[in-house]
Amino acid sequence: MSLIRTILGFVILLILIHVALVYVNVGRAANTVTEAIYSLGTLLESPAALLINAVPAIQQYLNPNSFFTVALTAVGLYLVLYLLLGVGKKS
């Protein structure tokens, strides 16, 4: 269980790095590391984009075309999964 939580922690960190690169305006083709971060970030954020587009009630509050909305929604969803995997853990 701790391995899955560790992977989810790295996923959250990768998406936040992706958001920071977009915010700072670092180009996608700057080098191979940024290309990998952009590619993985887009892949890992796709479930959040699908969720926002699938539920019309959410679209009243969140813009499905905004990069930052989709990315931060993905971080929130992965954080909820991370926390739920820790519930019930015995010390």
Protein backbone atom coordinates (compact mmCIF):
# COMPACT_ATOMS: atom_id res chain seq x y z
CA MET A 1 0.00 0.00 0.00
CA SER A 2 2.85 2.35 0.77
CA LEU A 3 4.27 1.82 -2.74
CA ILE A 4 1.00 3.00 -4.30
CA ARG A 5 0.97 6.05 -2.01
CA THR A 6 4.56 6.82 -3.00
CA ILE A 7 3.68 6.60 -6.68
CA LEU A 8 0.68 8.88 -6.15
CA GLY A 9 2.94 11.34 -4.35
CA PHE A 10 5.29 11.39 -7.34
CA VAL A 11 2.33 11.83 -9.69
CA ILE A 12 1.16 14.87 -7.69
CA LEU A 13 4.67 16.30 -7.73
CA LEU A 14 5.00 15.75 -11.49
CA ILE A 15 1.72 17.54 -12.22
CA LEU A 16 2.73 20.47 -10.00
CA ILE A 17 6.06 20.70 -11.84
CA HIS A 18 4.12 20.67 -15.12
CA VAL A 19 1.94 23.53 -13.86
CA ALA A 20 5.02 25.48 -12.78
CA LEU A 21 6.69 25.03 -16.19
CA VAL A 22 3.59 26.28 -17.98
CA TYR A 23 3.27 29.20 -15.57
CA VAL A 24 6.91 30.23 -16.07
CA ASN A 25 6.52 29.82 -19.86
CA VAL A 26 9.21 27.19 -20.35
CA GLY A 27 8.83 25.75 -23.83
CA ARG A 28 7.87 22.17 -24.37
CA ALA A 29 10.90 21.48 -26.56
CA ALA A 30 13.48 23.15 -24.28
CA ASN A 31 15.12 19.77 -23.61
CA THR A 32 14.22 16.12 -23.15
CA VAL A 33 13.33 16.52 -19.47
CA THR A 34 10.75 19.21 -20.15
CA GLU A 35 9.39 17.18 -23.07
CA ALA A 36 8.94 14.20 -20.74
CA ILE A 37 7.30 16.34 -18.04
CA TYR A 38 4.88 17.89 -20.53
CA SER A 39 4.00 14.49 -22.02
CA LEU A 40 3.49 12.75 -18.69
CA GLY A 41 1.65 15.74 -17.27
CA THR A 42 -0.80 15.75 -20.15
CA LEU A 43 -1.31 12.00 -19.80
CA LEU A 44 -1.88 12.12 -16.05
CA GLU A 45 -4.24 15.09 -16.27
CA SER A 46 -6.51 13.46 -18.85
CA PRO A 47 -8.81 11.72 -16.30
CA ALA A 48 -9.58 15.10 -14.70
CA ALA A 49 -10.36 16.63 -18.10
CA LEU A 50 -12.66 13.70 -18.84
CA LEU A 51 -14.41 14.12 -15.49
CA ILE A 52 -14.91 17.86 -15.96
CA ASN A 53 -16.28 17.35 -19.48
CA ALA A 54 -18.54 14.44 -18.46
CA VAL A 55 -20.37 16.11 -15.58
CA PRO A 56 -22.38 19.15 -16.71
CA ALA A 57 -22.94 20.37 -13.13
CA ILE A 58 -19.19 20.82 -12.67
CA GLN A 59 -18.94 22.90 -15.85
CA GLN A 60 -20.97 25.66 -14.19
CA TYR A 61 -18.10 26.25 -11.78
CA LEU A 62 -14.99 25.03 -13.63
CA ASN A 63 -13.85 25.94 -17.12
CA PRO A 64 -12.98 22.68 -18.92
CA ASN A 65 -10.82 24.56 -21.44
CA SER A 66 -8.51 26.12 -18.86
CA PHE A 67 -5.18 24.32 -18.42
CA PHE A 68 -4.77 25.38 -14.80
CA THR A 69 -8.29 24.26 -13.90
CA VAL A 70 -7.74 20.80 -15.34
CA ALA A 71 -4.27 20.43 -13.84
CA LEU A 72 -5.23 21.55 -10.35
CA THR A 73 -8.37 19.40 -10.45
CA ALA A 74 -6.14 16.43 -11.29
CA VAL A 75 -3.88 17.27 -8.34
CA GLY A 76 -6.94 17.42 -6.10
CA LEU A 77 -8.23 14.07 -7.30
CA TYR A 78 -4.86 12.36 -6.86
CA LEU A 79 -4.53 13.94 -3.42
CA VAL A 80 -7.92 12.53 -2.41
CA LEU A 81 -6.82 9.08 -3.59
CA TYR A 82 -3.55 9.49 -1.68
CA LEU A 83 -5.42 10.37 1.50
CA LEU A 84 -7.97 7.60 1.09
CA LEU A 85 -5.22 5.02 0.76
CA GLY A 86 -3.84 6.18 4.12
CA VAL A 87 -7.15 5.89 5.95
CA GLY A 88 -7.27 2.87 8.19
CA LYS A 89 -3.51 2.45 8.24
CA LYS A 90 -2.38 1.02 11.54
CA SER A 91 0.65 2.54 13.23
